[in-house]
Amino acid sequence: MADAVKTDKAPKKSWFKGLKSEFNKIIWTDKQTLGKQTVAVVVISILLGVIIAVVDSLALQGINFLIK
């Protein structure tokens, strides 16, 4: 005896209606918090870029020292 296959499906909503309902659930941050977070991301990105550049430069100088 085969199991009965469920053919009843929930009605599909419009994709745009579902998207709109999801966007309504988002809690947007205020401008002050957004500004602080943006500054933090930019500063950390610059610092990491400088650190990577310094490490890369030191590695290159070390390799050049070993080759010569």
PDB file of N, CA and C in Angstrom:
ATOM      1  N   MET A   1       0.836  -1.167   0.000  1.00  0.00           N
ATOM      2  CA  MET A   1       0.000   0.000   0.000  1.00  0.00           C
ATOM      3  C   MET A   1       0.892   1.244   0.000  1.00  0.00           C
ATOM      4  N   ALA A   2       0.695   2.099  -0.956  1.00  0.00           N
ATOM      5  CA  ALA A   2       1.532   3.305  -1.091  1.00  0.00           C
ATOM      6  C   ALA A   2       0.974   4.408  -0.202  1.00  0.00           C
ATOM      7  N   ASP A   3       1.900   5.207   0.304  1.00  0.00           N
ATOM      8  CA  ASP A   3       1.465   6.339   1.116  1.00  0.00           C
ATOM      9  C   ASP A   3       0.773   7.363   0.226  1.00  0.00           C
ATOM     10  N   ALA A   4      -0.224   7.981   0.770  1.00  0.00           N
ATOM     11  CA  ALA A   4      -0.948   8.993   0.009  1.00  0.00           C
ATOM     12  C   ALA A   4      -0.066  10.225  -0.162  1.00  0.00           C
ATOM     13  N   VAL A   5      -0.008  10.725  -1.371  1.00  0.00           N
ATOM     14  CA  VAL A   5       0.793  11.905  -1.659  1.00  0.00           C
ATOM     15  C   VAL A   5      -0.071  13.135  -1.417  1.00  0.00           C
ATOM     16  N   LYS A   6       0.467  14.058  -0.640  1.00  0.00           N
ATOM     17  CA  LYS A   6      -0.291  15.257  -0.320  1.00  0.00           C
ATOM     18  C   LYS A   6      -0.234  16.212  -1.508  1.00  0.00           C
ATOM     19  N   THR A   7      -1.367  16.517  -2.053  1.00  0.00           N
ATOM     20  CA  THR A   7      -1.413  17.394  -3.220  1.00  0.00           C
ATOM     21  C   THR A   7      -1.913  18.784  -2.866  1.00  0.00           C
ATOM     22  N   ASP A   8      -2.422  18.955  -1.646  1.00  0.00           N
ATOM     23  CA  ASP A   8      -2.913  20.274  -1.250  1.00  0.00           C
ATOM     24  C   ASP A   8      -1.715  21.164  -0.916  1.00  0.00           C
ATOM     25  N   LYS A   9      -1.590  22.254  -1.622  1.00  0.00           N
ATOM     26  CA  LYS A   9      -0.499  23.181  -1.383  1.00  0.00           C
ATOM     27  C   LYS A   9      -1.075  24.505  -0.917  1.00  0.00           C
ATOM     28  N   ALA A  10      -0.264  25.204  -0.126  1.00  0.00           N
ATOM     29  CA  ALA A  10      -0.693  26.521   0.323  1.00  0.00           C
ATOM     30  C   ALA A  10      -0.704  27.455  -0.882  1.00  0.00           C
ATOM     31  N   PRO A  11      -1.643  28.379  -0.913  1.00  0.00           N
ATOM     32  CA  PRO A  11      -1.668  29.312  -2.040  1.00  0.00           C
ATOM     33  C   PRO A  11      -0.414  30.175  -2.048  1.00  0.00           C
ATOM     34  N   LYS A  12       0.143  30.376  -3.231  1.00  0.00           N
ATOM     35  CA  LYS A  12       1.368  31.157  -3.352  1.00  0.00           C
ATOM     36  C   LYS A  12       1.040  32.643  -3.342  1.00  0.00           C
ATOM     37  N   LYS A  13       1.816  33.372  -2.537  1.00  0.00           N
ATOM     38  CA  LYS A  13       1.665  34.813  -2.533  1.00  0.00           C
ATOM     39  C   LYS A  13       2.467  35.387  -3.680  1.00  0.00           C
ATOM     40  N   SER A  14       2.177  36.598  -3.995  1.00  0.00           N
ATOM     41  CA  SER A  14       2.993  37.289  -4.971  1.00  0.00           C
ATOM     42  C   SER A  14       4.384  37.464  -4.395  1.00  0.00           C
ATOM     43  N   TRP A  15       5.412  37.325  -5.240  1.00  0.00           N
ATOM     44  CA  TRP A  15       6.802  37.462  -4.797  1.00  0.00           C
ATOM     45  C   TRP A  15       7.035  38.862  -4.239  1.00  0.00           C
ATOM     46  N   PHE A  16       6.455  39.862  -4.884  1.00  0.00           N
ATOM     47  CA  PHE A  16       6.638  41.236  -4.434  1.00  0.00           C
ATOM     48  C   PHE A  16       5.939  41.495  -3.097  1.00  0.00           C
ATOM     49  N   LYS A  17       4.804  40.868  -2.874  1.00  0.00           N
ATOM     50  CA  LYS A  17       4.124  41.022  -1.590  1.00  0.00           C
ATOM     51  C   LYS A  17       4.950  40.409  -0.472  1.00  0.00           C
ATOM     52  N   GLY A  18       5.534  39.245  -0.759  1.00  0.00           N
ATOM     53  CA  GLY A  18       6.395  38.602   0.230  1.00  0.00           C
ATOM     54  C   GLY A  18       7.621  39.436   0.517  1.00  0.00           C
ATOM     55  N   LEU A  19       8.201  40.021  -0.520  1.00  0.00           N
ATOM     56  CA  LEU A  19       9.372  40.877  -0.358  1.00  0.00           C
ATOM     57  C   LEU A  19       9.024  42.109   0.472  1.00  0.00           C
ATOM     58  N   LYS A  20       7.889  42.709   0.200  1.00  0.00           N
ATOM     59  CA  LYS A  20       7.459  43.893   0.949  1.00  0.00           C
ATOM     60  C   LYS A  20       7.223  43.547   2.410  1.00  0.00           C
ATOM     61  N   SER A  21       6.634  42.395   2.682  1.00  0.00           N
ATOM     62  CA  SER A  21       6.386  42.021   4.072  1.00  0.00           C
ATOM     63  C   SER A  21       7.698  41.762   4.800  1.00  0.00           C
ATOM     64  N   GLU A  22       8.710  41.225   4.114  1.00  0.00           N
ATOM     65  CA  GLU A  22      10.013  41.019   4.738  1.00  0.00           C
ATOM     66  C   GLU A  22      10.704  42.351   5.016  1.00  0.00           C
ATOM     67  N   PHE A  23      10.598  43.292   4.096  1.00  0.00           N
ATOM     68  CA  PHE A  23      11.194  44.611   4.309  1.00  0.00           C
ATOM     69  C   PHE A  23      10.520  45.340   5.463  1.00  0.00           C
ATOM     70  N   ASN A  24       9.248  45.093   5.677  1.00  0.00           N
ATOM     71  CA  ASN A  24       8.546  45.724   6.803  1.00  0.00           C
ATOM     72  C   ASN A  24       9.019  45.181   8.148  1.00  0.00           C
ATOM     73  N   LYS A  25       9.616  43.981   8.153  1.00  0.00           N
ATOM     74  CA  LYS A  25      10.117  43.387   9.398  1.00  0.00           C
ATOM     75  C   LYS A  25      11.483  43.942   9.799  1.00  0.00           C
ATOM     76  N   ILE A  26      12.170  44.615   8.877  1.00  0.00           N
ATOM     77  CA  ILE A  26      13.511  45.120   9.151  1.00  0.00           C
ATOM     78  C   ILE A  26      13.436  46.290  10.120  1.00  0.00           C
ATOM     79  N   ILE A  27      14.334  46.270  11.104  1.00  0.00           N
ATOM     80  CA  ILE A  27      14.439  47.397  12.029  1.00  0.00           C
ATOM     81  C   ILE A  27      15.616  48.234  11.563  1.00  0.00           C
ATOM     82  N   TRP A  28      15.336  49.382  10.979  1.00  0.00           N
ATOM     83  CA  TRP A  28      16.371  50.239  10.426  1.00  0.00           C
ATOM     84  C   TRP A  28      17.026  51.038  11.546  1.00  0.00           C
ATOM     85  N   THR A  29      18.342  51.232  11.443  1.00  0.00           N
ATOM     86  CA  THR A  29      19.050  52.000  12.458  1.00  0.00           C
ATOM     87  C   THR A  29      18.855  53.487  12.213  1.00  0.00           C
ATOM     88  N   ASP A  30      19.066  54.264  13.284  1.00  0.00           N
ATOM     89  CA  ASP A  30      18.930  55.710  13.139  1.00  0.00           C
ATOM     90  C   ASP A  30      20.199  56.274  12.490  1.00  0.00           C
ATOM     91  N   LYS A  31      20.146  57.541  12.074  1.00  0.00           N
ATOM     92  CA  LYS A  31      21.254  58.144  11.336  1.00  0.00           C
ATOM     93  C   LYS A  31      22.524  58.226  12.169  1.00  0.00           C
ATOM     94  N   GLN A  32      22.406  58.492  13.463  1.00  0.00           N
ATOM     95  CA  GLN A  32      23.580  58.631  14.323  1.00  0.00           C
ATOM     96  C   GLN A  32      24.333  57.294  14.405  1.00  0.00           C
ATOM     97  N   THR A  33      23.624  56.216  14.641  1.00  0.00           N
ATOM     98  CA  THR A  33      24.245  54.897  14.724  1.00  0.00           C
ATOM     99  C   THR A  33      24.846  54.508  13.376  1.00  0.00           C
ATOM    100  N   LEU A  34      24.127  54.783  12.308  1.00  0.00           N
ATOM    101  CA  LEU A  34      24.623  54.467  10.973  1.00  0.00           C
ATOM    102  C   LEU A  34      25.913  55.224  10.684  1.00  0.00           C
ATOM    103  N   GLY A  35      25.980  56.484  11.079  1.00  0.00           N
ATOM    104  CA  GLY A  35      27.187  57.277  10.887  1.00  0.00           C
ATOM    105  C   GLY A  35      28.363  56.726  11.665  1.00  0.00           C
ATOM    106  N   LYS A  36      28.131  56.361  12.927  1.00  0.00           N
ATOM    107  CA  LYS A  36      29.199  55.801  13.763  1.00  0.00           C
ATOM    108  C   LYS A  36      29.715  54.485  13.179  1.00  0.00           C
ATOM    109  N   GLN A  37      28.819  53.632  12.753  1.00  0.00           N
ATOM    110  CA  GLN A  37      29.219  52.348  12.199  1.00  0.00           C
ATOM    111  C   GLN A  37      29.973  52.527  10.878  1.00  0.00           C
ATOM    112  N   THR A  38      29.550  53.489  10.075  1.00  0.00           N
ATOM    113  CA  THR A  38      30.234  53.755   8.812  1.00  0.00           C
ATOM    114  C   THR A  38      31.655  54.241   9.063  1.00  0.00           C
ATOM    115  N   VAL A  39      31.816  55.157  10.012  1.00  0.00           N
ATOM    116  CA  VAL A  39      33.147  55.659  10.351  1.00  0.00           C
ATOM    117  C   VAL A  39      34.016  54.518  10.868  1.00  0.00           C
ATOM    118  N   ALA A  40      33.460  53.662  11.702  1.00  0.00           N
ATOM    119  CA  ALA A  40      34.221  52.538  12.246  1.00  0.00           C
ATOM    120  C   ALA A  40      34.687  51.602  11.133  1.00  0.00           C
ATOM    121  N   VAL A  41      33.834  51.313  10.184  1.00  0.00           N
ATOM    122  CA  VAL A  41      34.195  50.419   9.083  1.00  0.00           C
ATOM    123  C   VAL A  41      35.291  51.050   8.225  1.00  0.00           C
ATOM    124  N   VAL A  42      35.172  52.338   7.927  1.00  0.00           N
ATOM    125  CA  VAL A  42      36.172  53.008   7.100  1.00  0.00           C
ATOM    126  C   VAL A  42      37.518  53.042   7.810  1.00  0.00           C
ATOM    127  N   VAL A  43      37.534  53.384   9.104  1.00  0.00           N
ATOM    128  CA  VAL A  43      38.785  53.463   9.862  1.00  0.00           C
ATOM    129  C   VAL A  43      39.452  52.090   9.943  1.00  0.00           C
ATOM    130  N   ILE A  44      38.693  51.066  10.264  1.00  0.00           N
ATOM    131  CA  ILE A  44      39.259  49.718  10.362  1.00  0.00           C
ATOM    132  C   ILE A  44      39.771  49.247   9.009  1.00  0.00           C
ATOM    133  N   SER A  45      39.058  49.561   7.939  1.00  0.00           N
ATOM    134  CA  SER A  45      39.512  49.172   6.598  1.00  0.00           C
ATOM    135  C   SER A  45      40.829  49.846   6.249  1.00  0.00           C
ATOM    136  N   ILE A  46      40.969  51.126   6.580  1.00  0.00           N
ATOM    137  CA  ILE A  46      42.210  51.848   6.310  1.00  0.00           C
ATOM    138  C   ILE A  46      43.343  51.260   7.142  1.00  0.00           C
ATOM    139  N   LEU A  47      43.098  51.002   8.421  1.00  0.00           N
ATOM    140  CA  LEU A  47      44.131  50.430   9.281  1.00  0.00           C
ATOM    141  C   LEU A  47      44.584  49.054   8.774  1.00  0.00           C
ATOM    142  N   LEU A  48      43.649  48.223   8.400  1.00  0.00           N
ATOM    143  CA  LEU A  48      44.010  46.903   7.877  1.00  0.00           C
ATOM    144  C   LEU A  48      44.777  47.027   6.566  1.00  0.00           C
ATOM    145  N   GLY A  49      44.402  47.978   5.735  1.00  0.00           N
ATOM    146  CA  GLY A  49      45.121  48.203   4.486  1.00  0.00           C
ATOM    147  C   GLY A  49      46.563  48.608   4.745  1.00  0.00           C
ATOM    148  N   VAL A  50      46.774  49.493   5.732  1.00  0.00           N
ATOM    149  CA  VAL A  50      48.130  49.921   6.083  1.00  0.00           C
ATOM    150  C   VAL A  50      48.927  48.752   6.644  1.00  0.00           C
ATOM    151  N   ILE A  51      48.328  47.966   7.527  1.00  0.00           N
ATOM    152  CA  ILE A  51      49.022  46.810   8.113  1.00  0.00           C
ATOM    153  C   ILE A  51      49.424  45.816   7.020  1.00  0.00           C
ATOM    154  N   ILE A  52      48.521  45.539   6.103  1.00  0.00           N
ATOM    155  CA  ILE A  52      48.820  44.600   5.015  1.00  0.00           C
ATOM    156  C   ILE A  52      49.928  45.157   4.128  1.00  0.00           C
ATOM    157  N   ALA A  53      49.899  46.459   3.843  1.00  0.00           N
ATOM    158  CA  ALA A  53      50.937  47.069   3.013  1.00  0.00           C
ATOM    159  C   ALA A  53      52.300  46.985   3.686  1.00  0.00           C
ATOM    160  N   VAL A  54      52.348  47.220   5.001  1.00  0.00           N
ATOM    161  CA  VAL A  54      53.615  47.149   5.729  1.00  0.00           C
ATOM    162  C   VAL A  54      54.149  45.719   5.737  1.00  0.00           C
ATOM    163  N   VAL A  55      53.303  44.760   6.026  1.00  0.00           N
ATOM    164  CA  VAL A  55      53.730  43.358   6.048  1.00  0.00           C
ATOM    165  C   VAL A  55      54.195  42.928   4.654  1.00  0.00           C
ATOM    166  N   ASP A  56      53.477  43.335   3.625  1.00  0.00           N
ATOM    167  CA  ASP A  56      53.852  43.001   2.259  1.00  0.00           C
ATOM    168  C   ASP A  56      55.206  43.616   1.909  1.00  0.00           C
ATOM    169  N   SER A  57      55.419  44.864   2.293  1.00  0.00           N
ATOM    170  CA  SER A  57      56.685  45.534   2.019  1.00  0.00           C
ATOM    171  C   SER A  57      57.837  44.845   2.745  1.00  0.00           C
ATOM    172  N   LEU A  58      57.637  44.481   4.009  1.00  0.00           N
ATOM    173  CA  LEU A  58      58.673  43.781   4.759  1.00  0.00           C
ATOM    174  C   LEU A  58      58.977  42.417   4.148  1.00  0.00           C
ATOM    175  N   ALA A  59      57.956  41.710   3.727  1.00  0.00           N
ATOM    176  CA  ALA A  59      58.159  40.408   3.106  1.00  0.00           C
ATOM    177  C   ALA A  59      58.931  40.561   1.799  1.00  0.00           C
ATOM    178  N   LEU A  60      58.583  41.567   1.018  1.00  0.00           N
ATOM    179  CA  LEU A  60      59.288  41.801  -0.239  1.00  0.00           C
ATOM    180  C   LEU A  60      60.756  42.142   0.005  1.00  0.00           C
ATOM    181  N   GLN A  61      61.034  42.988   0.988  1.00  0.00           N
ATOM    182  CA  GLN A  61      62.419  43.334   1.323  1.00  0.00           C
ATOM    183  C   GLN A  61      63.176  42.109   1.826  1.00  0.00           C
ATOM    184  N   GLY A  62      62.537  41.283   2.611  1.00  0.00           N
ATOM    185  CA  GLY A  62      63.168  40.060   3.091  1.00  0.00           C
ATOM    186  C   GLY A  62      63.503  39.112   1.960  1.00  0.00           C
ATOM    187  N   ILE A  63      62.580  38.952   1.025  1.00  0.00           N
ATOM    188  CA  ILE A  63      62.831  38.069  -0.124  1.00  0.00           C
ATOM    189  C   ILE A  63      63.958  38.633  -0.981  1.00  0.00           C
ATOM    190  N   ASN A  64      63.935  39.945  -1.224  1.00  0.00           N
ATOM    191  CA  ASN A  64      65.000  40.568  -2.014  1.00  0.00           C
ATOM    192  C   ASN A  64      66.353  40.432  -1.317  1.00  0.00           C
ATOM    193  N   PHE A  65      66.384  40.516   0.005  1.00  0.00           N
ATOM    194  CA  PHE A  65      67.626  40.349   0.765  1.00  0.00           C
ATOM    195  C   PHE A  65      68.173  38.929   0.601  1.00  0.00           C
ATOM    196  N   LEU A  66      67.271  37.947   0.628  1.00  0.00           N
ATOM    197  CA  LEU A  66      67.695  36.556   0.492  1.00  0.00           C
ATOM    198  C   LEU A  66      68.175  36.232  -0.920  1.00  0.00           C
ATOM    199  N   ILE A  67      67.580  36.850  -1.917  1.00  0.00           N
ATOM    200  CA  ILE A  67      67.931  36.572  -3.307  1.00  0.00           C
ATOM    201  C   ILE A  67      69.299  37.173  -3.644  1.00  0.00           C
ATOM    202  N   LYS A  68      69.581  38.386  -3.164  1.00  0.00           N
ATOM    203  CA  LYS A  68      70.820  39.065  -3.533  1.00  0.00           C
ATOM    204  C   LYS A  68      71.998  38.571  -2.778  1.00  0.00           C
TER     205      LYS A  68
END
